[in-house]
Protein backbone atom coordinates (compact mmCIF):
# COMPACT_ATOMS: atom_id res chain seq x y z
CA MET A 1 24.59 11.59 21.26
CA GLU A 2 21.25 9.45 19.87
CA GLU A 3 19.36 12.95 20.35
CA LYS A 4 21.74 14.57 17.72
CA GLN A 5 21.29 11.68 15.33
CA ALA A 6 17.82 11.68 15.48
CA ASP A 7 17.80 15.54 14.98
CA VAL A 8 20.30 14.55 11.90
CA LEU A 9 18.09 12.06 10.66
CA GLU A 10 15.08 14.41 10.96
CA GLU A 11 16.77 17.22 8.82
CA VAL A 12 18.14 14.37 6.03
CA ALA A 13 14.12 13.14 5.77
CA GLU A 14 12.63 16.46 4.63
CA ASN A 15 12.98 17.81 1.35
CA ASP A 16 12.93 21.29 -0.07
CA LEU A 17 9.50 22.39 1.04
CA GLY A 18 9.70 20.83 4.50
CA GLU A 19 7.66 17.78 4.04
CA ASP A 20 8.44 14.51 5.60
CA LEU A 21 9.56 12.44 2.69
CA THR A 22 7.87 9.24 5.09
CA THR A 23 4.34 10.45 4.86
CA ALA A 24 4.69 11.91 1.09
CA ARG A 25 5.76 8.55 -0.05
CA ARG A 26 3.39 6.94 1.95
CA ILE A 27 0.38 5.30 0.10
CA ASP A 28 -2.98 5.03 2.52
CA ALA A 29 -6.91 4.94 2.01
CA ASP A 30 -7.36 8.65 2.54
CA SER A 31 -4.84 9.60 -0.12
CA ILE A 32 -6.51 7.08 -2.47
CA LEU A 33 -10.03 8.27 -1.73
CA ASP A 34 -9.31 11.90 -2.24
CA SER A 35 -7.85 11.03 -5.62
CA ILE A 36 -11.13 9.08 -6.62
CA VAL A 37 -14.16 10.53 -4.84
CA PRO A 38 -15.08 14.23 -6.36
CA GLN A 39 -13.69 17.33 -4.03
CA SER A 40 -17.55 18.27 -3.48
CA ILE A 41 -18.54 15.30 -1.68
CA ASP A 42 -16.87 14.91 1.88
CA TRP A 43 -16.56 11.24 2.46
CA ARG A 44 -15.00 11.92 5.86
CA GLU A 45 -18.19 13.43 7.24
CA THR A 46 -20.21 10.82 5.33
CA VAL A 47 -18.43 7.75 7.12
CA GLY A 48 -18.46 9.61 10.27
CA ARG A 49 -22.27 10.00 10.17
CA HIS A 50 -22.88 6.53 8.74
CA PRO A 51 -20.20 4.26 9.73
CA PHE A 52 -22.47 1.16 9.30
CA GLY A 53 -23.86 2.17 6.09
CA SER A 54 -20.38 2.48 4.80
CA VAL A 55 -18.92 -0.40 6.05
CA ALA A 56 -21.82 -2.17 4.31
CA VAL A 57 -21.06 -0.32 1.08
CA VAL A 58 -17.81 -1.17 1.13
CA GLY A 59 -18.54 -4.69 1.60
CA LEU A 60 -20.98 -5.18 -1.11
CA VAL A 61 -18.52 -3.42 -3.60
CA GLY A 62 -15.84 -5.68 -2.68
CA TYR A 63 -18.10 -8.73 -2.93
CA LEU A 64 -19.23 -7.57 -6.60
CA VAL A 65 -15.46 -7.13 -7.49
CA GLY A 66 -14.63 -10.03 -6.25
CA ARG A 67 -17.59 -12.17 -7.71
CA THR A 68 -16.76 -10.61 -11.26
CA LYS A 69 -13.05 -10.06 -11.22
CA GLY A 70 -11.79 -12.31 -8.54
CA ALA A 71 -10.33 -15.12 -10.64
CA SER A 72 -7.97 -12.65 -12.63
CA ILE A 73 -7.12 -11.10 -9.19
CA MET A 74 -6.08 -14.52 -7.89
CA ALA A 75 -4.14 -14.96 -10.98
CA GLY A 76 -2.05 -11.62 -10.83
CA ILE A 77 -1.58 -12.39 -6.80
CA THR A 78 -0.11 -16.14 -7.55
CA ALA A 79 1.90 -14.93 -10.51
CA GLY A 80 3.78 -12.21 -8.49
CA LEU A 81 4.43 -14.38 -5.66
CA SER A 82 5.41 -17.37 -8.03
CA ALA A 83 8.01 -15.14 -9.74
CA GLY A 84 9.27 -13.68 -6.50
CA ILE A 85 9.74 -17.13 -5.27
CA MET A 86 11.41 -18.04 -8.49
CA ARG A 87 13.86 -15.17 -8.16
CA GLN A 88 14.76 -16.30 -4.70
CA LEU A 89 15.24 -19.80 -5.65
CA SER A 90 17.54 -18.83 -8.51
CA ASP A 91 19.50 -16.67 -5.86
CA VAL A 92 19.68 -19.95 -3.92
CA PHE A 93 20.64 -21.92 -6.81
CA GLU A 94 23.42 -19.79 -8.01
CA GLY A 95 25.65 -19.41 -5.00
CA ASP A 96 28.65 -21.41 -3.46
CA PHE A 97 26.69 -23.71 -1.46
CA PHE A 98 25.55 -25.95 -4.40
CA ASP A 99 28.91 -25.86 -6.35
CA PHE A 100 30.94 -28.85 -6.07
């Protein structure tokens, strides 16, 4: 019975092209780098040959971005978090719990 349900769920999860929707909608580092790095550069091979250098470069870029744009990044993160918290609190205060 469980196998039959799993098969039905797999069939529903596939679109007309036969691709799995969960992988098509997933955003990962590979898809981001494939869209940023030019096609002429094989970044997977470069990272495979020079793993420590790749980590050092990514760390340096992260440090520089953090130093130049850190304040605006933190402002965006805190604004998003506070908006989410306020939304949750408004849902709580609108409920029957606080009605007298």
